[in-house]
Amino acid sequence: MPLTVESQKRPEGSKPNALRRSGLIPANLYGHNVAESVSLVVDAKVVERLLKQVAVNKTEIELNIPEIEWRGTTVLREVQVHPAKGTPYHLSFYATPKD
């Protein structure tokens, strides 16, 4: 069973560093049935747990974005990590095609 991650749409005009200070990690969703990339934020604690459980490009993650009524299977395509702090900086989710 895939892991489930709740996410929110990133507030318009929000600054990534301000989001990180408030405990949110900027993320993107792109791929199948997503006409354009969607900017998201994910709670930093959720991201920490997630990164302990998944393999990049391998583990399926059920991503849920209530605001835009999108739910689907994704893989974590890329994790950017802060070079000095070693903390997650940005995530990219890729929506996998539905069979």
Protein backbone atom coordinates (compact mmCIF):
# COMPACT_ATOMS: atom_id res chain seq x y z
CA MET A 1 0.00 0.00 0.00
CA PRO A 2 1.47 3.37 -0.96
CA LEU A 3 2.28 6.00 1.65
CA THR A 4 -0.14 8.91 1.74
CA VAL A 5 1.05 12.51 1.91
CA GLU A 6 -1.21 15.52 2.43
CA SER A 7 -0.11 18.70 0.73
CA GLN A 8 -1.36 22.22 0.20
CA LYS A 9 -1.10 24.54 -2.74
CA ARG A 10 1.68 27.01 -2.19
CA PRO A 11 0.35 30.48 -1.33
CA GLU A 12 0.65 32.95 -4.22
CA GLY A 13 3.75 35.12 -3.89
CA SER A 14 5.15 33.26 -0.87
CA LYS A 15 8.92 33.22 -0.46
CA PRO A 16 10.56 29.77 -0.19
CA ASN A 17 12.79 30.72 2.75
CA ALA A 18 9.86 32.16 4.69
CA LEU A 19 7.96 28.91 4.08
CA ARG A 20 10.92 26.86 5.34
CA ARG A 21 11.18 28.98 8.48
CA SER A 22 7.52 28.31 9.18
CA GLY A 23 8.05 24.54 8.93
CA LEU A 24 6.96 23.97 5.33
CA ILE A 25 9.01 22.54 2.48
CA PRO A 26 8.31 23.83 -1.04
CA ALA A 27 7.46 21.10 -3.54
CA ASN A 28 6.25 20.65 -7.11
CA LEU A 29 3.93 18.17 -8.76
CA TYR A 30 4.22 17.48 -12.46
CA GLY A 31 3.49 14.72 -14.91
CA HIS A 32 0.50 12.76 -16.07
CA ASN A 33 -2.87 14.57 -16.18
CA VAL A 34 -1.34 17.63 -14.57
CA ALA A 35 -1.44 20.20 -17.35
CA GLU A 36 1.18 22.34 -15.67
CA SER A 37 3.41 21.99 -12.71
CA VAL A 38 1.63 22.70 -9.41
CA SER A 39 3.53 24.50 -6.63
CA LEU A 40 2.94 22.90 -3.25
CA VAL A 41 4.09 22.98 0.33
CA VAL A 42 4.50 19.93 2.56
CA ASP A 43 4.94 19.99 6.33
CA ALA A 44 8.63 19.53 7.19
CA LYS A 45 7.87 16.81 9.77
CA VAL A 46 5.94 14.86 7.13
CA VAL A 47 8.88 15.23 4.75
CA GLU A 48 11.33 13.92 7.36
CA ARG A 49 9.20 10.81 7.95
CA LEU A 50 8.68 10.36 4.23
CA LEU A 51 12.38 10.46 3.40
CA LYS A 52 13.07 7.68 5.92
CA GLN A 53 10.54 5.42 4.19
CA VAL A 54 10.94 6.01 0.46
CA ALA A 55 13.47 5.44 -2.28
CA VAL A 56 13.68 8.28 -4.81
CA ASN A 57 12.12 7.26 -8.15
CA LYS A 58 11.00 3.91 -6.74
CA THR A 59 8.49 4.13 -3.90
CA GLU A 60 4.92 5.03 -4.83
CA ILE A 61 3.40 7.82 -2.78
CA GLU A 62 -0.28 8.68 -2.70
CA LEU A 63 -0.37 12.47 -2.88
CA ASN A 64 -3.50 14.31 -1.78
CA ILE A 65 -4.09 18.01 -2.48
CA PRO A 66 -7.57 18.81 -1.10
CA GLU A 67 -7.68 22.42 -2.35
CA ILE A 68 -7.54 21.46 -6.01
CA GLU A 69 -9.28 18.10 -5.47
CA TRP A 70 -6.32 16.16 -6.81
CA ARG A 71 -5.30 12.77 -5.54
CA GLY A 72 -3.01 10.37 -7.30
CA THR A 73 -0.03 8.09 -7.26
CA THR A 74 3.34 9.79 -7.52
CA VAL A 75 7.00 9.02 -7.08
CA LEU A 76 9.48 11.34 -5.46
CA ARG A 77 11.53 12.33 -8.50
CA GLU A 78 14.00 14.69 -6.82
CA VAL A 79 14.97 15.78 -3.31
CA GLN A 80 17.09 18.89 -3.02
CA VAL A 81 19.03 19.06 0.24
CA HIS A 82 20.55 22.19 1.77
CA PRO A 83 24.33 21.86 1.26
CA ALA A 84 25.31 23.16 4.70
CA LYS A 85 22.41 22.04 6.89
CA GLY A 86 21.65 18.72 5.22
CA THR A 87 17.93 19.41 5.53
CA PRO A 88 15.40 18.90 2.72
CA TYR A 89 15.07 22.07 0.67
CA HIS A 90 12.67 21.21 -2.15
CA LEU A 91 10.81 18.12 -3.39
CA SER A 92 9.60 17.16 -6.86
CA PHE A 93 6.72 14.71 -7.17
CA TYR A 94 6.03 13.06 -10.51
CA ALA A 95 2.49 11.83 -11.13
CA THR A 96 2.59 8.32 -12.54
CA PRO A 97 0.21 7.45 -15.40
CA LYS A 98 -2.99 5.67 -14.41
CA ASP A 99 -3.37 2.23 -15.95
